[in-house]
Amino acid sequence: MISIPHKATQFLVFSVKLLIVVGAFYFIYNQLASNDKLDWDKFLILFHKNQSFVGISFLLFFSFLNRYFEILKWQNLAEVVKSISIKEATKQVLAALTLGVFTPVGVGEYAGKALYFEKKEAKKIIFLNLICNGIQIVATGLFGIIGMLILGYWLWSLGILIITIAFILFSFFTKKIKINGYSIEKLVERINEIPKKIHKKNMFLGFCRYLVFSHQYYFLFVAFDVNLSYTVLMATITTVYFLASVIPSFQFLDFALKGSLAVYFFGLLGVNEWIVIFVTTLMWFLNIVLPVIIGSYYVLIFKIHKPIISNNLP
């Protein structure tokens, strides 16, 4: 058995961490630099016109609340495995976000959180992260359907409801069918193993988080002098978020996807395209880029407690 020298291991781990951070920042830069629809001159004019310390602080506070509710959600669910502090939950959430920012549907986030726990708990942590993200999908779907109904997209809403009901019925009749040892019945059993108080808290925090970032979106449109009623504006926002959530994508492309959908739906309401693009980009910057910057620090200081040892030579 040949062991890898400790210094070589440290260098390898540091290189991987640095590659992750550099990759995250490259994708962020690329998305900002390659978007030829971002007219920075128009943005600066409007920014100087409406700039306000109170207004900027207000929007930053919403970004803080958005991520804080996510941290509280994870702290609550991690209790199933072991109790962690807010500080530890913050470290895990932000580091995992950085790992997931350029992976398909954020799969790196699941691995990122699992690294902070013992190897034997990896599957449980991934499952808990699914529960953590699942409540956001539920909130997005519920508010999204309500938004589409308000906007008059009855056929779309009806189609989604029919598909949802069909999926539920299909799941019920096939719940005992196993694929690689897993079944829907087994999944439900595992969900029920989690204490109800943890589920309730997860639901409450998930819906709070949804209301925070959707209203941050609303206030950004107001700041850019978009004069639409609260009901119509919020209904359009929830519709855009819902439709974006059902299309699998890389997390770093999430803002581009939301931007494209937002341009279409807000365009129907007469909102200028460049305003929609800037609002969507700012939402992405405030809620993804800023946390990733902090998360990069946690990635760089992450330590692997056990030395890496190679397999036996043949």
C-alpha atoms as a PDB file:
ATOM      1  CA  MET A   1       0.000   0.000   0.000  1.00  0.00           C
ATOM      2  CA  ILE A   2       1.468   3.327  -1.078  1.00  0.00           C
ATOM      3  CA  SER A   3       0.389   6.514   0.678  1.00  0.00           C
ATOM      4  CA  ILE A   4       0.376   9.893  -0.992  1.00  0.00           C
ATOM      5  CA  PRO A   5       2.722  12.359   0.777  1.00  0.00           C
ATOM      6  CA  HIS A   6       0.863  14.814   2.985  1.00  0.00           C
ATOM      7  CA  LYS A   7       2.209  17.874   1.140  1.00  0.00           C
ATOM      8  CA  ALA A   8       1.184  16.408  -2.209  1.00  0.00           C
ATOM      9  CA  THR A   9      -2.285  15.750  -0.823  1.00  0.00           C
ATOM     10  CA  GLN A  10      -2.542  19.327   0.454  1.00  0.00           C
ATOM     11  CA  PHE A  11      -1.450  20.683  -2.933  1.00  0.00           C
ATOM     12  CA  LEU A  12      -3.954  18.464  -4.787  1.00  0.00           C
ATOM     13  CA  VAL A  13      -6.839  19.488  -2.527  1.00  0.00           C
ATOM     14  CA  PHE A  14      -5.904  23.184  -2.773  1.00  0.00           C
ATOM     15  CA  SER A  15      -5.698  22.922  -6.589  1.00  0.00           C
ATOM     16  CA  VAL A  16      -9.178  21.388  -6.762  1.00  0.00           C
ATOM     17  CA  LYS A  17     -10.617  24.058  -4.460  1.00  0.00           C
ATOM     18  CA  LEU A  18      -8.928  26.833  -6.438  1.00  0.00           C
ATOM     19  CA  LEU A  19     -10.226  25.347  -9.699  1.00  0.00           C
ATOM     20  CA  ILE A  20     -13.787  25.364  -8.309  1.00  0.00           C
ATOM     21  CA  VAL A  21     -13.514  29.006  -7.230  1.00  0.00           C
ATOM     22  CA  VAL A  22     -11.897  30.134 -10.491  1.00  0.00           C
ATOM     23  CA  GLY A  23     -14.534  28.208 -12.455  1.00  0.00           C
ATOM     24  CA  ALA A  24     -17.357  29.858 -10.518  1.00  0.00           C
ATOM     25  CA  PHE A  25     -15.960  33.356 -11.099  1.00  0.00           C
ATOM     26  CA  TYR A  26     -15.273  32.640 -14.761  1.00  0.00           C
ATOM     27  CA  PHE A  27     -18.896  31.653 -15.382  1.00  0.00           C
ATOM     28  CA  ILE A  28     -20.105  34.757 -13.514  1.00  0.00           C
ATOM     29  CA  TYR A  29     -17.840  37.013 -15.587  1.00  0.00           C
ATOM     30  CA  ASN A  30     -18.776  35.241 -18.805  1.00  0.00           C
ATOM     31  CA  GLN A  31     -22.496  35.727 -18.239  1.00  0.00           C
ATOM     32  CA  LEU A  32     -22.078  39.458 -17.587  1.00  0.00           C
ATOM     33  CA  ALA A  33     -19.572  40.085 -20.390  1.00  0.00           C
ATOM     34  CA  SER A  34     -21.314  38.040 -23.084  1.00  0.00           C
ATOM     35  CA  ASN A  35     -24.776  39.549 -22.618  1.00  0.00           C
ATOM     36  CA  ASP A  36     -24.938  42.158 -25.388  1.00  0.00           C
ATOM     37  CA  LYS A  37     -28.418  43.235 -24.271  1.00  0.00           C
ATOM     38  CA  LEU A  38     -27.060  44.844 -21.104  1.00  0.00           C
ATOM     39  CA  ASP A  39     -26.876  48.577 -21.843  1.00  0.00           C
ATOM     40  CA  TRP A  40     -24.763  49.816 -18.945  1.00  0.00           C
ATOM     41  CA  ASP A  41     -25.138  53.467 -19.977  1.00  0.00           C
ATOM     42  CA  LYS A  42     -28.908  53.308 -19.546  1.00  0.00           C
ATOM     43  CA  PHE A  43     -28.481  51.490 -16.263  1.00  0.00           C
ATOM     44  CA  LEU A  44     -26.080  54.104 -14.864  1.00  0.00           C
ATOM     45  CA  ILE A  45     -28.391  56.946 -15.882  1.00  0.00           C
ATOM     46  CA  LEU A  46     -31.366  55.373 -14.127  1.00  0.00           C
ATOM     47  CA  PHE A  47     -29.218  54.330 -11.163  1.00  0.00           C
ATOM     48  CA  HIS A  48     -27.962  57.884 -10.590  1.00  0.00           C
ATOM     49  CA  LYS A  49     -31.506  59.150 -10.947  1.00  0.00           C
ATOM     50  CA  ASN A  50     -32.958  56.781  -8.353  1.00  0.00           C
ATOM     51  CA  GLN A  51     -29.941  55.946  -6.195  1.00  0.00           C
ATOM     52  CA  SER A  52     -30.658  55.924  -2.495  1.00  0.00           C
ATOM     53  CA  PHE A  53     -28.663  54.527   0.400  1.00  0.00           C
ATOM     54  CA  VAL A  54     -31.915  53.428   2.026  1.00  0.00           C
ATOM     55  CA  GLY A  55     -33.125  51.776  -1.194  1.00  0.00           C
ATOM     56  CA  ILE A  56     -29.860  49.904  -1.785  1.00  0.00           C
ATOM     57  CA  SER A  57     -29.737  48.799   1.854  1.00  0.00           C
ATOM     58  CA  PHE A  58     -33.342  47.635   1.579  1.00  0.00           C
ATOM     59  CA  LEU A  59     -32.576  45.421  -1.442  1.00  0.00           C
ATOM     60  CA  LEU A  60     -29.403  44.052   0.167  1.00  0.00           C
ATOM     61  CA  PHE A  61     -31.392  43.224   3.285  1.00  0.00           C
ATOM     62  CA  PHE A  62     -33.781  41.179   1.126  1.00  0.00           C
ATOM     63  CA  SER A  63     -30.761  39.267  -0.265  1.00  0.00           C
ATOM     64  CA  PHE A  64     -29.599  38.623   3.280  1.00  0.00           C
ATOM     65  CA  LEU A  65     -33.058  37.401   4.318  1.00  0.00           C
ATOM     66  CA  ASN A  66     -33.319  35.161   1.252  1.00  0.00           C
ATOM     67  CA  ARG A  67     -30.089  33.348   2.047  1.00  0.00           C
ATOM     68  CA  TYR A  68     -30.703  33.449   5.819  1.00  0.00           C
ATOM     69  CA  PHE A  69     -34.000  31.586   5.437  1.00  0.00           C
ATOM     70  CA  GLU A  70     -32.160  28.992   3.328  1.00  0.00           C
ATOM     71  CA  ILE A  71     -29.530  28.643   6.064  1.00  0.00           C
ATOM     72  CA  LEU A  72     -32.234  28.216   8.713  1.00  0.00           C
ATOM     73  CA  LYS A  73     -33.908  25.573   6.533  1.00  0.00           C
ATOM     74  CA  TRP A  74     -30.695  23.600   6.281  1.00  0.00           C
ATOM     75  CA  GLN A  75     -29.928  23.932   9.985  1.00  0.00           C
ATOM     76  CA  ASN A  76     -33.422  22.627  10.722  1.00  0.00           C
ATOM     77  CA  LEU A  77     -33.130  19.606   8.392  1.00  0.00           C
ATOM     78  CA  ALA A  78     -29.548  18.764   9.374  1.00  0.00           C
ATOM     79  CA  GLU A  79     -30.908  18.214  12.886  1.00  0.00           C
ATOM     80  CA  VAL A  80     -32.003  14.783  11.625  1.00  0.00           C
ATOM     81  CA  VAL A  81     -28.314  13.797  11.422  1.00  0.00           C
ATOM     82  CA  LYS A  82     -26.733  16.101  13.997  1.00  0.00           C
ATOM     83  CA  SER A  83     -27.213  19.566  15.472  1.00  0.00           C
ATOM     84  CA  ILE A  84     -25.247  22.307  13.745  1.00  0.00           C
ATOM     85  CA  SER A  85     -24.876  25.995  14.576  1.00  0.00           C
ATOM     86  CA  ILE A  86     -25.978  28.898  12.376  1.00  0.00           C
ATOM     87  CA  LYS A  87     -22.302  29.524  11.640  1.00  0.00           C
ATOM     88  CA  GLU A  88     -21.779  25.936  10.490  1.00  0.00           C
ATOM     89  CA  ALA A  89     -25.018  25.929   8.473  1.00  0.00           C
ATOM     90  CA  THR A  90     -23.930  29.184   6.793  1.00  0.00           C
ATOM     91  CA  LYS A  91     -20.584  27.655   5.862  1.00  0.00           C
ATOM     92  CA  GLN A  92     -22.215  24.545   4.399  1.00  0.00           C
ATOM     93  CA  VAL A  93     -24.929  26.379   2.449  1.00  0.00           C
ATOM     94  CA  LEU A  94     -22.613  28.984   0.881  1.00  0.00           C
ATOM     95  CA  ALA A  95     -19.821  26.532   0.054  1.00  0.00           C
ATOM     96  CA  ALA A  96     -22.350  24.129  -1.497  1.00  0.00           C
ATOM     97  CA  LEU A  97     -23.854  26.983  -3.520  1.00  0.00           C
ATOM     98  CA  THR A  98     -20.407  27.750  -4.938  1.00  0.00           C
ATOM     99  CA  LEU A  99     -19.897  24.092  -5.862  1.00  0.00           C
ATOM    100  CA  GLY A 100     -23.318  23.927  -7.507  1.00  0.00           C
ATOM    101  CA  VAL A 101     -23.195  27.187  -9.440  1.00  0.00           C
ATOM    102  CA  PHE A 102     -21.893  25.656 -12.684  1.00  0.00           C
ATOM    103  CA  THR A 103     -23.202  22.095 -12.434  1.00  0.00           C
ATOM    104  CA  PRO A 104     -26.415  20.798 -14.091  1.00  0.00           C
ATOM    105  CA  VAL A 105     -29.443  21.535 -11.867  1.00  0.00           C
ATOM    106  CA  GLY A 106     -27.009  22.370  -9.060  1.00  0.00           C
ATOM    107  CA  VAL A 107     -25.941  18.770  -8.352  1.00  0.00           C
ATOM    108  CA  GLY A 108     -22.661  20.048  -6.930  1.00  0.00           C
ATOM    109  CA  GLU A 109     -24.637  21.541  -4.060  1.00  0.00           C
ATOM    110  CA  TYR A 110     -25.626  18.064  -2.857  1.00  0.00           C
ATOM    111  CA  ALA A 111     -22.042  16.814  -2.888  1.00  0.00           C
ATOM    112  CA  GLY A 112     -20.854  20.019  -1.241  1.00  0.00           C
ATOM    113  CA  LYS A 113     -23.039  19.586   1.831  1.00  0.00           C
ATOM    114  CA  ALA A 114     -22.264  15.874   2.092  1.00  0.00           C
ATOM    115  CA  LEU A 115     -18.537  16.663   2.387  1.00  0.00           C
ATOM    116  CA  TYR A 116     -19.153  18.288   5.768  1.00  0.00           C
ATOM    117  CA  PHE A 117     -20.539  15.064   7.246  1.00  0.00           C
ATOM    118  CA  GLU A 118     -19.228  11.566   7.787  1.00  0.00           C
ATOM    119  CA  LYS A 119     -19.131   9.407   4.685  1.00  0.00           C
ATOM    120  CA  LYS A 120     -21.744   7.002   6.095  1.00  0.00           C
ATOM    121  CA  GLU A 121     -24.228   9.913   6.297  1.00  0.00           C
ATOM    122  CA  ALA A 122     -23.761  10.988   2.660  1.00  0.00           C
ATOM    123  CA  LYS A 123     -26.982   9.421   1.315  1.00  0.00           C
ATOM    124  CA  LYS A 124     -29.017  10.853   4.183  1.00  0.00           C
ATOM    125  CA  ILE A 125     -27.564  14.354   3.614  1.00  0.00           C
ATOM    126  CA  ILE A 126     -28.366  14.189  -0.105  1.00  0.00           C
ATOM    127  CA  PHE A 127     -31.915  13.095   0.743  1.00  0.00           C
ATOM    128  CA  LEU A 128     -32.315  15.937   3.263  1.00  0.00           C
ATOM    129  CA  ASN A 129     -31.066  18.403   0.663  1.00  0.00           C
ATOM    130  CA  LEU A 130     -33.752  17.101  -1.706  1.00  0.00           C
ATOM    131  CA  ILE A 131     -36.338  17.835   0.995  1.00  0.00           C
ATOM    132  CA  CYS A 132     -34.778  21.274   1.534  1.00  0.00           C
ATOM    133  CA  ASN A 133     -35.038  22.153  -2.168  1.00  0.00           C
ATOM    134  CA  GLY A 134     -38.333  20.327  -2.614  1.00  0.00           C
ATOM    135  CA  ILE A 135     -40.313  22.782  -0.506  1.00  0.00           C
ATOM    136  CA  GLN A 136     -39.101  25.622  -2.743  1.00  0.00           C
ATOM    137  CA  ILE A 137     -40.440  23.724  -5.751  1.00  0.00           C
ATOM    138  CA  VAL A 138     -43.794  23.310  -3.992  1.00  0.00           C
ATOM    139  CA  ALA A 139     -43.967  27.030  -3.148  1.00  0.00           C
ATOM    140  CA  THR A 140     -42.904  27.998  -6.673  1.00  0.00           C
ATOM    141  CA  GLY A 141     -45.528  25.707  -8.215  1.00  0.00           C
ATOM    142  CA  LEU A 142     -48.354  26.856  -5.950  1.00  0.00           C
ATOM    143  CA  PHE A 143     -47.735  30.588  -6.407  1.00  0.00           C
ATOM    144  CA  GLY A 144     -46.921  30.073 -10.089  1.00  0.00           C
ATOM    145  CA  ILE A 145     -50.289  28.460 -10.841  1.00  0.00           C
ATOM    146  CA  ILE A 146     -52.081  31.214  -8.903  1.00  0.00           C
ATOM    147  CA  GLY A 147     -50.117  33.782 -10.916  1.00  0.00           C
ATOM    148  CA  MET A 148     -51.077  32.190 -14.241  1.00  0.00           C
ATOM    149  CA  LEU A 149     -54.731  32.108 -13.210  1.00  0.00           C
ATOM    150  CA  ILE A 150     -54.610  35.815 -12.341  1.00  0.00           C
ATOM    151  CA  LEU A 151     -53.022  36.607 -15.713  1.00  0.00           C
ATOM    152  CA  GLY A 152     -55.715  34.596 -17.485  1.00  0.00           C
ATOM    153  CA  TYR A 153     -53.596  31.657 -18.649  1.00  0.00           C
ATOM    154  CA  TRP A 154     -56.411  29.231 -17.848  1.00  0.00           C
ATOM    155  CA  LEU A 155     -55.484  26.570 -20.392  1.00  0.00           C
ATOM    156  CA  TRP A 156     -51.872  26.479 -19.186  1.00  0.00           C
ATOM    157  CA  SER A 157     -53.007  26.211 -15.579  1.00  0.00           C
ATOM    158  CA  LEU A 158     -55.512  23.484 -16.434  1.00  0.00           C
ATOM    159  CA  GLY A 159     -52.873  21.549 -18.366  1.00  0.00           C
ATOM    160  CA  ILE A 160     -50.424  21.724 -15.460  1.00  0.00           C
ATOM    161  CA  LEU A 161     -53.102  20.604 -12.990  1.00  0.00           C
ATOM    162  CA  ILE A 162     -54.056  17.648 -15.214  1.00  0.00           C
ATOM    163  CA  ILE A 163     -50.389  16.610 -15.533  1.00  0.00           C
ATOM    164  CA  THR A 164     -49.932  16.941 -11.750  1.00  0.00           C
ATOM    165  CA  ILE A 165     -53.027  14.848 -10.979  1.00  0.00           C
ATOM    166  CA  ALA A 166     -51.961  12.239 -13.554  1.00  0.00           C
ATOM    167  CA  PHE A 167     -48.506  12.082 -11.972  1.00  0.00           C
ATOM    168  CA  ILE A 168     -49.993  11.638  -8.488  1.00  0.00           C
ATOM    169  CA  LEU A 169     -52.287   8.829  -9.703  1.00  0.00           C
ATOM    170  CA  PHE A 170     -49.420   7.162 -11.571  1.00  0.00           C
ATOM    171  CA  SER A 171     -47.250   7.381  -8.445  1.00  0.00           C
ATOM    172  CA  PHE A 172     -50.028   5.855  -6.330  1.00  0.00           C
ATOM    173  CA  PHE A 173     -50.545   2.842  -8.602  1.00  0.00           C
ATOM    174  CA  THR A 174     -46.820   2.236  -9.091  1.00  0.00           C
ATOM    175  CA  LYS A 175     -45.672   3.024  -5.551  1.00  0.00           C
ATOM    176  CA  LYS A 176     -44.526  -0.558  -4.878  1.00  0.00           C
ATOM    177  CA  ILE A 177     -42.527  -0.930  -8.097  1.00  0.00           C
ATOM    178  CA  LYS A 178     -38.811  -0.899  -7.305  1.00  0.00           C
ATOM    179  CA  ILE A 179     -36.036   0.487  -9.472  1.00  0.00           C
ATOM    180  CA  ASN A 180     -32.541  -0.349  -8.224  1.00  0.00           C
ATOM    181  CA  GLY A 181     -34.053  -1.161  -4.853  1.00  0.00           C
ATOM    182  CA  TYR A 182     -35.949   2.135  -4.548  1.00  0.00           C
ATOM    183  CA  SER A 183     -39.682   2.783  -4.817  1.00  0.00           C
ATOM    184  CA  ILE A 184     -42.097   5.646  -4.243  1.00  0.00           C
ATOM    185  CA  GLU A 185     -43.449   3.796  -1.208  1.00  0.00           C
ATOM    186  CA  LYS A 186     -39.940   3.639   0.248  1.00  0.00           C
ATOM    187  CA  LEU A 187     -39.459   7.340  -0.479  1.00  0.00           C
ATOM    188  CA  VAL A 188     -42.674   8.209   1.383  1.00  0.00           C
ATOM    189  CA  GLU A 189     -41.562   6.065   4.316  1.00  0.00           C
ATOM    190  CA  ARG A 190     -38.251   7.929   4.507  1.00  0.00           C
ATOM    191  CA  ILE A 191     -40.035  11.280   4.379  1.00  0.00           C
ATOM    192  CA  ASN A 192     -42.334  10.181   7.203  1.00  0.00           C
ATOM    193  CA  GLU A 193     -39.322   9.198   9.303  1.00  0.00           C
ATOM    194  CA  ILE A 194     -38.445  12.881   9.601  1.00  0.00           C
ATOM    195  CA  PRO A 195     -40.241  14.452  12.615  1.00  0.00           C
ATOM    196  CA  LYS A 196     -43.338  16.480  11.714  1.00  0.00           C
ATOM    197  CA  LYS A 197     -42.055  19.558  13.532  1.00  0.00           C
ATOM    198  CA  ILE A 198     -39.032  19.610  11.200  1.00  0.00           C
ATOM    199  CA  HIS A 199     -41.302  19.316   8.139  1.00  0.00           C
ATOM    200  CA  LYS A 200     -43.536  22.131   9.407  1.00  0.00           C
ATOM    201  CA  LYS A 201     -40.591  24.415  10.063  1.00  0.00           C
ATOM    202  CA  ASN A 202     -39.131  23.583   6.656  1.00  0.00           C
ATOM    203  CA  MET A 203     -42.429  24.491   4.975  1.00  0.00           C
ATOM    204  CA  PHE A 204     -42.724  27.760   6.901  1.00  0.00           C
ATOM    205  CA  LEU A 205     -39.155  28.836   6.121  1.00  0.00           C
ATOM    206  CA  GLY A 206     -39.485  27.753   2.474  1.00  0.00           C
ATOM    207  CA  PHE A 207     -42.588  29.866   1.921  1.00  0.00           C
ATOM    208  CA  CYS A 208     -40.986  32.804   3.760  1.00  0.00           C
ATOM    209  CA  ARG A 209     -37.970  32.562   1.479  1.00  0.00           C
ATOM    210  CA  TYR A 210     -40.172  32.493  -1.608  1.00  0.00           C
ATOM    211  CA  LEU A 211     -42.059  35.609  -0.506  1.00  0.00           C
ATOM    212  CA  VAL A 212     -38.773  37.405   0.187  1.00  0.00           C
ATOM    213  CA  PHE A 213     -37.091  36.896  -3.193  1.00  0.00           C
ATOM    214  CA  SER A 214     -40.298  37.351  -5.216  1.00  0.00           C
ATOM    215  CA  HIS A 215     -40.933  40.685  -3.484  1.00  0.00           C
ATOM    216  CA  GLN A 216     -37.309  41.686  -3.984  1.00  0.00           C
ATOM    217  CA  TYR A 217     -37.988  41.153  -7.694  1.00  0.00           C
ATOM    218  CA  TYR A 218     -41.109  43.319  -7.338  1.00  0.00           C
ATOM    219  CA  PHE A 219     -39.288  46.194  -5.620  1.00  0.00           C
ATOM    220  CA  LEU A 220     -36.550  46.169  -8.256  1.00  0.00           C
ATOM    221  CA  PHE A 221     -39.169  46.686 -10.966  1.00  0.00           C
ATOM    222  CA  VAL A 222     -40.662  49.524  -8.918  1.00  0.00           C
ATOM    223  CA  ALA A 223     -37.175  51.064  -8.599  1.00  0.00           C
ATOM    224  CA  PHE A 224     -36.884  50.978 -12.390  1.00  0.00           C
ATOM    225  CA  ASP A 225     -40.150  52.961 -12.699  1.00  0.00           C
ATOM    226  CA  VAL A 226     -42.312  50.063 -13.927  1.00  0.00           C
ATOM    227  CA  ASN A 227     -45.884  51.231 -13.337  1.00  0.00           C
ATOM    228  CA  LEU A 228     -47.942  48.065 -13.083  1.00  0.00           C
ATOM    229  CA  SER A 229     -50.371  47.093 -10.351  1.00  0.00           C
ATOM    230  CA  TYR A 230     -49.030  44.984  -7.499  1.00  0.00           C
ATOM    231  CA  THR A 231     -51.298  42.075  -8.461  1.00  0.00           C
ATOM    232  CA  VAL A 232     -50.287  41.990 -12.137  1.00  0.00           C
ATOM    233  CA  LEU A 233     -46.583  42.468 -11.386  1.00  0.00           C
ATOM    234  CA  MET A 234     -46.462  39.762  -8.720  1.00  0.00           C
ATOM    235  CA  ALA A 235     -48.539  37.375 -10.851  1.00  0.00           C
ATOM    236  CA  THR A 236     -46.069  37.790 -13.727  1.00  0.00           C
ATOM    237  CA  ILE A 237     -43.093  37.289 -11.410  1.00  0.00           C
ATOM    238  CA  THR A 238     -44.525  34.078  -9.935  1.00  0.00           C
ATOM    239  CA  THR A 239     -45.373  32.810 -13.436  1.00  0.00           C
ATOM    240  CA  VAL A 240     -41.818  33.435 -14.680  1.00  0.00           C
ATOM    241  CA  TYR A 241     -40.282  31.721 -11.646  1.00  0.00           C
ATOM    242  CA  PHE A 242     -42.571  28.731 -12.014  1.00  0.00           C
ATOM    243  CA  LEU A 243     -41.936  28.186 -15.721  1.00  0.00           C
ATOM    244  CA  ALA A 244     -38.176  28.631 -15.210  1.00  0.00           C
ATOM    245  CA  SER A 245     -38.203  26.054 -12.417  1.00  0.00           C
ATOM    246  CA  VAL A 246     -39.669  23.286 -14.593  1.00  0.00           C
ATOM    247  CA  ILE A 247     -36.890  23.605 -17.194  1.00  0.00           C
ATOM    248  CA  PRO A 248     -33.683  21.837 -16.065  1.00  0.00           C
ATOM    249  CA  SER A 249     -30.605  24.039 -16.502  1.00  0.00           C
ATOM    250  CA  PHE A 250     -27.188  24.876 -15.148  1.00  0.00           C
ATOM    251  CA  GLN A 251     -27.541  27.125 -12.124  1.00  0.00           C
ATOM    252  CA  PHE A 252     -25.230  29.716 -13.632  1.00  0.00           C
ATOM    253  CA  LEU A 253     -27.643  29.911 -16.610  1.00  0.00           C
ATOM    254  CA  ASP A 254     -30.633  30.293 -14.326  1.00  0.00           C
ATOM    255  CA  PHE A 255     -30.696  34.072 -14.608  1.00  0.00           C
ATOM    256  CA  ALA A 256     -30.504  33.869 -18.420  1.00  0.00           C
ATOM    257  CA  LEU A 257     -33.434  31.453 -18.495  1.00  0.00           C
ATOM    258  CA  LYS A 258     -35.498  33.608 -16.150  1.00  0.00           C
ATOM    259  CA  GLY A 259     -34.434  36.651 -18.175  1.00  0.00           C
ATOM    260  CA  SER A 260     -35.690  35.163 -21.443  1.00  0.00           C
ATOM    261  CA  LEU A 261     -39.039  34.196 -19.922  1.00  0.00           C
ATOM    262  CA  ALA A 262     -39.311  37.552 -18.151  1.00  0.00           C
ATOM    263  CA  VAL A 263     -38.628  39.456 -21.395  1.00  0.00           C
ATOM    264  CA  TYR A 264     -41.482  37.575 -23.058  1.00  0.00           C
ATOM    265  CA  PHE A 265     -44.086  37.893 -20.298  1.00  0.00           C
ATOM    266  CA  PHE A 266     -43.247  41.447 -19.245  1.00  0.00           C
ATOM    267  CA  GLY A 267     -43.012  42.402 -22.908  1.00  0.00           C
ATOM    268  CA  LEU A 268     -46.693  41.470 -23.233  1.00  0.00           C
ATOM    269  CA  LEU A 269     -47.329  44.093 -20.528  1.00  0.00           C
ATOM    270  CA  GLY A 270     -45.328  46.772 -22.339  1.00  0.00           C
ATOM    271  CA  VAL A 271     -42.233  46.754 -20.102  1.00  0.00           C
ATOM    272  CA  ASN A 272     -38.990  47.719 -21.897  1.00  0.00           C
ATOM    273  CA  GLU A 273     -36.759  44.738 -22.628  1.00  0.00           C
ATOM    274  CA  TRP A 274     -33.592  46.322 -21.229  1.00  0.00           C
ATOM    275  CA  ILE A 275     -35.312  47.025 -17.899  1.00  0.00           C
ATOM    276  CA  VAL A 276     -36.407  43.385 -17.613  1.00  0.00           C
ATOM    277  CA  ILE A 277     -32.876  42.184 -18.413  1.00  0.00           C
ATOM    278  CA  PHE A 278     -31.293  44.490 -15.855  1.00  0.00           C
ATOM    279  CA  VAL A 279     -33.757  43.568 -13.113  1.00  0.00           C
ATOM    280  CA  THR A 280     -33.211  39.857 -13.769  1.00  0.00           C
ATOM    281  CA  THR A 281     -29.433  40.318 -13.837  1.00  0.00           C
ATOM    282  CA  LEU A 282     -29.498  42.273 -10.572  1.00  0.00           C
ATOM    283  CA  MET A 283     -31.589  39.537  -8.940  1.00  0.00           C
ATOM    284  CA  TRP A 284     -29.000  37.005 -10.071  1.00  0.00           C
ATOM    285  CA  PHE A 285     -26.147  39.192  -8.835  1.00  0.00           C
ATOM    286  CA  LEU A 286     -27.725  39.890  -5.441  1.00  0.00           C
ATOM    287  CA  ASN A 287     -28.855  36.326  -4.725  1.00  0.00           C
ATOM    288  CA  ILE A 288     -26.266  34.158  -6.476  1.00  0.00           C
ATOM    289  CA  VAL A 289     -23.088  36.136  -7.180  1.00  0.00           C
ATOM    290  CA  LEU A 290     -22.733  37.781  -3.759  1.00  0.00           C
ATOM    291  CA  PRO A 291     -23.312  34.508  -1.846  1.00  0.00           C
ATOM    292  CA  VAL A 292     -20.887  32.705  -4.202  1.00  0.00           C
ATOM    293  CA  ILE A 293     -18.196  35.291  -3.419  1.00  0.00           C
ATOM    294  CA  ILE A 294     -18.583  34.519   0.287  1.00  0.00           C
ATOM    295  CA  GLY A 295     -18.962  30.801  -0.404  1.00  0.00           C
ATOM    296  CA  SER A 296     -15.661  30.805  -2.301  1.00  0.00           C
ATOM    297  CA  TYR A 297     -13.898  31.663   0.947  1.00  0.00           C
ATOM    298  CA  TYR A 298     -15.477  28.645   2.652  1.00  0.00           C
ATOM    299  CA  VAL A 299     -14.455  26.413  -0.258  1.00  0.00           C
ATOM    300  CA  LEU A 300     -10.842  27.574   0.007  1.00  0.00           C
ATOM    301  CA  ILE A 301     -10.629  26.991   3.774  1.00  0.00           C
ATOM    302  CA  PHE A 302     -12.382  23.618   3.622  1.00  0.00           C
ATOM    303  CA  LYS A 303     -10.225  20.888   5.126  1.00  0.00           C
ATOM    304  CA  ILE A 304     -10.318  17.150   4.472  1.00  0.00           C
ATOM    305  CA  HIS A 305      -9.754  15.532   7.829  1.00  0.00           C
ATOM    306  CA  LYS A 306      -8.647  12.112   6.604  1.00  0.00           C
ATOM    307  CA  PRO A 307      -5.544  11.588   4.445  1.00  0.00           C
ATOM    308  CA  ILE A 308      -5.983  10.222   0.969  1.00  0.00           C
ATOM    309  CA  ILE A 309      -4.494   6.740   0.537  1.00  0.00           C
ATOM    310  CA  SER A 310      -4.177   4.920  -2.744  1.00  0.00           C
ATOM    311  CA  ASN A 311      -5.466   1.406  -3.371  1.00  0.00           C
ATOM    312  CA  ASN A 312      -3.169  -1.619  -3.128  1.00  0.00           C
ATOM    313  CA  LEU A 313      -0.977  -2.143  -6.133  1.00  0.00           C
ATOM    314  CA  PRO A 314      -1.647  -5.331  -8.125  1.00  0.00           C
END
